[in-house]
Amino acid sequence: MPVNIVIKAPKYRTAKQLVADGTFPVSQATLLKIAKEHGVGRKMGRTIMFSIEDTDKLYETLPCPSNSLNALKAPTGSCVALSGVKASKKLQELLTKKPPKQSVSKGKKNS
C-alpha cells in the first residue's frame, strides 16, 4: 500500500500581510524600514518577503519595554496622601538625620 507524504512548503509573507493580520501593529512603511535597518527579509522583484524566522528576528530587534521611561516614572494613583510605609520611611529619615555642622568656629577671633 503506497504512503502519501505531504510536505508543506514554508509560508513566506509580505510586509502588507504581516501588518494586515496584526503580526506587527505598525505601518507597512515602518516595518519595511526596520527590516532594512537590520537586514531582515528577502527581495523578490519589488516585494520584500519574510519567513517565520525573519518575523522572529524582527521581533527580537524591538526594544524591551522595561527600558522605557514610563518604567522610571513614579506610580500614579487616586490617593494624594503618602502610604503608611512611605510615611514611616520619611519620618525615620527625618528623625535620624544629624544636624548640620556650624560653619563658623566658636573660638576667639584673631584681630
N, C-alpha and C. Protein backbone atom coordinates (compact mmCIF):
# COMPACT_ATOMS: atom_id res chain seq x y z
N MET A 1 0.84 -1.17 0.00
CA MET A 1 0.00 0.00 0.00
C MET A 1 0.89 1.24 0.00
N PRO A 2 0.74 2.16 -0.98
CA PRO A 2 1.59 3.36 -1.05
C PRO A 2 1.22 4.35 0.05
N VAL A 3 2.24 5.02 0.56
CA VAL A 3 2.05 6.03 1.61
C VAL A 3 2.24 7.41 0.98
N ASN A 4 1.24 8.24 1.13
CA ASN A 4 1.34 9.62 0.63
C ASN A 4 1.92 10.51 1.71
N ILE A 5 3.02 11.13 1.40
CA ILE A 5 3.67 12.06 2.33
C ILE A 5 3.41 13.47 1.83
N VAL A 6 2.84 14.26 2.70
CA VAL A 6 2.56 15.65 2.36
C VAL A 6 3.61 16.53 3.00
N ILE A 7 4.29 17.27 2.16
CA ILE A 7 5.32 18.19 2.66
C ILE A 7 4.80 19.60 2.47
N LYS A 8 4.73 20.33 3.56
CA LYS A 8 4.26 21.71 3.49
C LYS A 8 5.45 22.61 3.18
N ALA A 9 5.27 23.45 2.20
CA ALA A 9 6.29 24.43 1.87
C ALA A 9 6.24 25.54 2.89
N PRO A 10 7.38 26.14 3.22
CA PRO A 10 7.35 27.25 4.18
C PRO A 10 6.52 28.40 3.63
N LYS A 11 5.85 29.07 4.50
CA LYS A 11 4.99 30.18 4.09
C LYS A 11 5.77 31.48 4.21
N TYR A 12 5.86 32.18 3.13
CA TYR A 12 6.52 33.48 3.11
C TYR A 12 5.44 34.55 3.01
N ARG A 13 5.66 35.64 3.72
CA ARG A 13 4.64 36.68 3.77
C ARG A 13 5.26 38.03 3.46
N THR A 14 4.43 38.91 2.97
CA THR A 14 4.87 40.27 2.67
C THR A 14 4.64 41.16 3.90
N ALA A 15 5.24 42.35 3.85
CA ALA A 15 5.05 43.31 4.94
C ALA A 15 3.57 43.68 5.05
N LYS A 16 2.92 43.81 3.91
CA LYS A 16 1.49 44.15 3.91
C LYS A 16 0.68 43.08 4.64
N GLN A 17 1.00 41.81 4.42
CA GLN A 17 0.28 40.72 5.10
C GLN A 17 0.57 40.70 6.60
N LEU A 18 1.83 40.95 6.97
CA LEU A 18 2.20 40.95 8.39
C LEU A 18 1.51 42.08 9.16
N VAL A 19 1.30 43.21 8.48
CA VAL A 19 0.60 44.33 9.11
C VAL A 19 -0.90 44.06 9.14
N ALA A 20 -1.43 43.53 8.03
CA ALA A 20 -2.88 43.31 7.92
C ALA A 20 -3.40 42.29 8.94
N ASP A 21 -2.63 41.24 9.21
CA ASP A 21 -3.11 40.22 10.15
C ASP A 21 -2.77 40.54 11.60
N GLY A 22 -2.10 41.69 11.83
CA GLY A 22 -1.80 42.12 13.20
C GLY A 22 -0.54 41.52 13.78
N THR A 23 0.27 40.83 12.98
CA THR A 23 1.52 40.29 13.49
C THR A 23 2.39 41.41 14.03
N PHE A 24 2.48 42.50 13.27
CA PHE A 24 3.18 43.70 13.71
C PHE A 24 2.22 44.87 13.61
N PRO A 25 1.83 45.46 14.74
CA PRO A 25 0.84 46.55 14.72
C PRO A 25 1.47 47.91 14.40
N VAL A 26 2.14 47.98 13.27
CA VAL A 26 2.74 49.23 12.79
C VAL A 26 2.38 49.39 11.33
N SER A 27 2.78 50.49 10.73
CA SER A 27 2.50 50.67 9.30
C SER A 27 3.46 49.81 8.48
N GLN A 28 3.08 49.60 7.25
CA GLN A 28 3.91 48.82 6.34
C GLN A 28 5.26 49.51 6.13
N ALA A 29 5.24 50.83 6.02
CA ALA A 29 6.48 51.59 5.82
C ALA A 29 7.42 51.43 7.02
N THR A 30 6.86 51.48 8.23
CA THR A 30 7.68 51.31 9.44
C THR A 30 8.30 49.93 9.47
N LEU A 31 7.51 48.92 9.16
CA LEU A 31 8.01 47.54 9.17
C LEU A 31 9.14 47.37 8.15
N LEU A 32 8.95 47.90 6.96
CA LEU A 32 9.99 47.78 5.93
C LEU A 32 11.25 48.55 6.31
N LYS A 33 11.09 49.70 6.96
CA LYS A 33 12.24 50.49 7.40
C LYS A 33 13.06 49.71 8.44
N ILE A 34 12.39 49.14 9.42
CA ILE A 34 13.09 48.37 10.46
C ILE A 34 13.75 47.14 9.85
N ALA A 35 13.06 46.48 8.94
CA ALA A 35 13.62 45.29 8.28
C ALA A 35 14.88 45.66 7.51
N LYS A 36 14.86 46.78 6.83
CA LYS A 36 16.03 47.22 6.05
C LYS A 36 17.19 47.56 6.98
N GLU A 37 16.90 48.25 8.09
CA GLU A 37 17.95 48.63 9.05
C GLU A 37 18.67 47.41 9.62
N HIS A 38 17.94 46.30 9.79
CA HIS A 38 18.50 45.11 10.42
C HIS A 38 18.80 43.99 9.43
N GLY A 39 18.63 44.26 8.15
CA GLY A 39 18.96 43.27 7.13
C GLY A 39 18.08 42.02 7.18
N VAL A 40 16.81 42.22 7.45
CA VAL A 40 15.88 41.10 7.58
C VAL A 40 14.97 41.06 6.36
N GLY A 41 14.73 39.87 5.82
CA GLY A 41 13.84 39.70 4.68
C GLY A 41 14.61 39.46 3.40
N ARG A 42 13.90 38.97 2.39
CA ARG A 42 14.49 38.71 1.08
C ARG A 42 13.68 39.42 0.02
N LYS A 43 14.37 39.95 -0.96
CA LYS A 43 13.70 40.70 -2.01
C LYS A 43 13.35 39.78 -3.17
N MET A 44 12.08 39.83 -3.60
CA MET A 44 11.61 39.10 -4.77
C MET A 44 10.95 40.12 -5.67
N GLY A 45 11.66 40.52 -6.71
CA GLY A 45 11.17 41.62 -7.55
C GLY A 45 11.20 42.91 -6.74
N ARG A 46 10.04 43.53 -6.60
CA ARG A 46 9.94 44.75 -5.78
C ARG A 46 9.44 44.45 -4.37
N THR A 47 9.10 43.22 -4.10
CA THR A 47 8.48 42.85 -2.83
C THR A 47 9.50 42.24 -1.89
N ILE A 48 9.43 42.63 -0.64
CA ILE A 48 10.26 42.02 0.40
C ILE A 48 9.44 40.90 1.03
N MET A 49 10.00 39.70 1.05
CA MET A 49 9.32 38.54 1.61
C MET A 49 9.95 38.20 2.96
N PHE A 50 9.11 37.75 3.90
CA PHE A 50 9.57 37.41 5.24
C PHE A 50 9.22 35.96 5.56
N SER A 51 10.18 35.23 6.08
CA SER A 51 9.92 33.87 6.55
C SER A 51 9.53 33.94 8.03
N ILE A 52 9.19 32.82 8.60
CA ILE A 52 8.87 32.78 10.04
C ILE A 52 10.09 33.20 10.85
N GLU A 53 11.26 32.75 10.43
CA GLU A 53 12.49 33.13 11.13
C GLU A 53 12.73 34.64 11.03
N ASP A 54 12.40 35.22 9.87
CA ASP A 54 12.55 36.67 9.70
C ASP A 54 11.64 37.43 10.65
N THR A 55 10.40 36.96 10.83
CA THR A 55 9.50 37.65 11.75
C THR A 55 10.01 37.55 13.18
N ASP A 56 10.63 36.42 13.52
CA ASP A 56 11.23 36.30 14.85
C ASP A 56 12.39 37.27 15.01
N LYS A 57 13.23 37.41 13.97
CA LYS A 57 14.35 38.35 14.03
C LYS A 57 13.85 39.78 14.18
N LEU A 58 12.79 40.13 13.42
CA LEU A 58 12.23 41.47 13.54
C LEU A 58 11.73 41.73 14.95
N TYR A 59 11.07 40.75 15.53
CA TYR A 59 10.56 40.91 16.89
C TYR A 59 11.72 41.11 17.87
N GLU A 60 12.80 40.37 17.70
CA GLU A 60 13.95 40.48 18.61
C GLU A 60 14.66 41.83 18.50
N THR A 61 14.50 42.53 17.39
CA THR A 61 15.14 43.84 17.25
C THR A 61 14.41 44.93 18.01
N LEU A 62 13.18 44.65 18.43
CA LEU A 62 12.39 45.65 19.14
C LEU A 62 12.95 45.87 20.54
N PRO A 63 12.89 47.12 21.03
CA PRO A 63 13.39 47.38 22.38
C PRO A 63 12.49 46.77 23.44
N CYS A 64 13.09 46.42 24.53
CA CYS A 64 12.36 45.84 25.65
C CYS A 64 11.58 46.94 26.36
N PRO A 65 10.29 46.73 26.68
CA PRO A 65 9.51 47.79 27.31
C PRO A 65 9.99 48.17 28.70
N SER A 66 10.75 47.30 29.37
CA SER A 66 11.21 47.63 30.71
C SER A 66 12.26 48.74 30.68
N ASN A 67 12.84 48.99 29.53
CA ASN A 67 13.83 50.07 29.41
C ASN A 67 13.17 51.41 29.10
N SER A 68 11.87 51.44 29.02
CA SER A 68 11.18 52.67 28.66
C SER A 68 11.20 53.66 29.81
N LEU A 69 10.99 54.91 29.49
CA LEU A 69 10.96 55.95 30.52
C LEU A 69 9.75 55.81 31.42
N ASN A 70 8.68 55.20 30.93
CA ASN A 70 7.48 55.03 31.74
C ASN A 70 7.76 54.18 32.97
N ALA A 71 8.69 53.24 32.87
CA ALA A 71 9.01 52.37 34.00
C ALA A 71 9.71 53.16 35.11
N LEU A 72 10.35 54.28 34.74
CA LEU A 72 11.08 55.07 35.73
C LEU A 72 10.21 56.11 36.41
N LYS A 73 9.03 56.37 35.88
CA LYS A 73 8.15 57.38 36.46
C LYS A 73 7.53 56.88 37.76
N ALA A 74 7.20 57.82 38.61
CA ALA A 74 6.56 57.46 39.87
C ALA A 74 5.17 56.90 39.59
N PRO A 75 4.74 55.93 40.37
CA PRO A 75 3.40 55.38 40.16
C PRO A 75 2.34 56.43 40.46
N THR A 76 1.27 56.37 39.72
CA THR A 76 0.18 57.31 39.93
C THR A 76 -1.00 56.60 40.56
N GLY A 77 -1.83 57.35 41.23
CA GLY A 77 -3.00 56.77 41.85
C GLY A 77 -3.97 57.86 42.25
N SER A 78 -5.09 57.46 42.82
CA SER A 78 -6.11 58.44 43.19
C SER A 78 -5.88 59.00 44.59
N CYS A 79 -4.99 58.41 45.36
CA CYS A 79 -4.74 58.85 46.73
C CYS A 79 -3.59 59.85 46.74
N VAL A 80 -3.82 61.01 47.35
CA VAL A 80 -2.81 62.05 47.38
C VAL A 80 -1.86 61.85 48.56
N ALA A 81 -2.34 61.30 49.66
CA ALA A 81 -1.53 61.14 50.86
C ALA A 81 -0.49 60.05 50.68
N LEU A 82 0.59 60.15 51.47
CA LEU A 82 1.62 59.11 51.45
C LEU A 82 1.06 57.82 52.02
N SER A 83 1.55 56.71 51.49
CA SER A 83 1.14 55.43 52.06
C SER A 83 1.78 55.29 53.44
N GLY A 84 1.30 54.36 54.23
CA GLY A 84 1.83 54.16 55.58
C GLY A 84 3.31 53.82 55.56
N VAL A 85 3.71 52.99 54.62
CA VAL A 85 5.12 52.59 54.53
C VAL A 85 5.99 53.78 54.14
N LYS A 86 5.56 54.54 53.14
CA LYS A 86 6.35 55.69 52.70
C LYS A 86 6.40 56.76 53.79
N ALA A 87 5.30 56.96 54.49
CA ALA A 87 5.27 57.97 55.56
C ALA A 87 6.21 57.60 56.69
N SER A 88 6.23 56.31 57.08
CA SER A 88 7.12 55.91 58.17
C SER A 88 8.58 55.99 57.74
N LYS A 89 8.89 55.68 56.47
CA LYS A 89 10.27 55.81 55.99
C LYS A 89 10.71 57.26 56.00
N LYS A 90 9.82 58.14 55.56
CA LYS A 90 10.16 59.56 55.53
C LYS A 90 10.37 60.09 56.95
N LEU A 91 9.51 59.68 57.88
CA LEU A 91 9.65 60.09 59.27
C LEU A 91 10.95 59.57 59.86
N GLN A 92 11.29 58.33 59.56
CA GLN A 92 12.53 57.74 60.06
C GLN A 92 13.74 58.51 59.54
N GLU A 93 13.71 58.90 58.25
CA GLU A 93 14.81 59.69 57.68
C GLU A 93 14.95 61.02 58.39
N LEU A 94 13.81 61.67 58.69
CA LEU A 94 13.86 62.97 59.35
C LEU A 94 14.38 62.85 60.78
N LEU A 95 14.02 61.77 61.47
CA LEU A 95 14.44 61.60 62.86
C LEU A 95 15.90 61.20 62.99
N THR A 96 16.45 60.52 62.00
CA THR A 96 17.82 60.04 62.11
C THR A 96 18.84 60.97 61.49
N LYS A 97 18.42 62.03 60.85
CA LYS A 97 19.37 62.98 60.25
C LYS A 97 20.08 63.74 61.35
N LYS A 98 21.39 63.89 61.17
CA LYS A 98 22.18 64.65 62.13
C LYS A 98 22.07 66.12 61.78
N PRO A 99 22.08 66.98 62.79
CA PRO A 99 22.00 68.41 62.50
C PRO A 99 23.24 68.86 61.71
N PRO A 100 23.10 69.84 60.86
CA PRO A 100 24.25 70.30 60.07
C PRO A 100 25.30 70.94 60.97
N LYS A 101 26.57 70.77 60.58
CA LYS A 101 27.67 71.35 61.34
C LYS A 101 27.70 72.86 61.12
N GLN A 102 28.09 73.56 62.18
CA GLN A 102 28.18 75.01 62.06
C GLN A 102 29.45 75.37 61.30
N SER A 103 29.33 76.32 60.41
CA SER A 103 30.48 76.69 59.58
C SER A 103 31.40 77.71 60.28
N VAL A 104 30.89 78.43 61.24
CA VAL A 104 31.67 79.44 61.95
C VAL A 104 32.23 78.80 63.21
N SER A 105 33.52 78.99 63.43
CA SER A 105 34.11 78.42 64.64
C SER A 105 33.70 79.24 65.87
N LYS A 106 33.60 78.56 67.01
CA LYS A 106 33.17 79.23 68.23
C LYS A 106 34.34 79.78 69.02
N GLY A 107 35.51 79.62 68.50
CA GLY A 107 36.72 80.11 69.19
C GLY A 107 36.86 81.63 69.11
N LYS A 108 37.94 82.15 69.72
CA LYS A 108 38.19 83.57 69.70
C LYS A 108 38.62 84.01 68.31
N LYS A 109 38.24 85.21 67.97
CA LYS A 109 38.63 85.77 66.68
C LYS A 109 40.01 86.38 66.80
N ASN A 110 40.78 86.23 65.77
CA ASN A 110 42.11 86.87 65.71
C ASN A 110 41.95 88.23 65.06
N SER A 111 42.48 89.29 65.71
CA SER A 111 42.37 90.60 65.13
C SER A 111 43.68 91.11 64.65
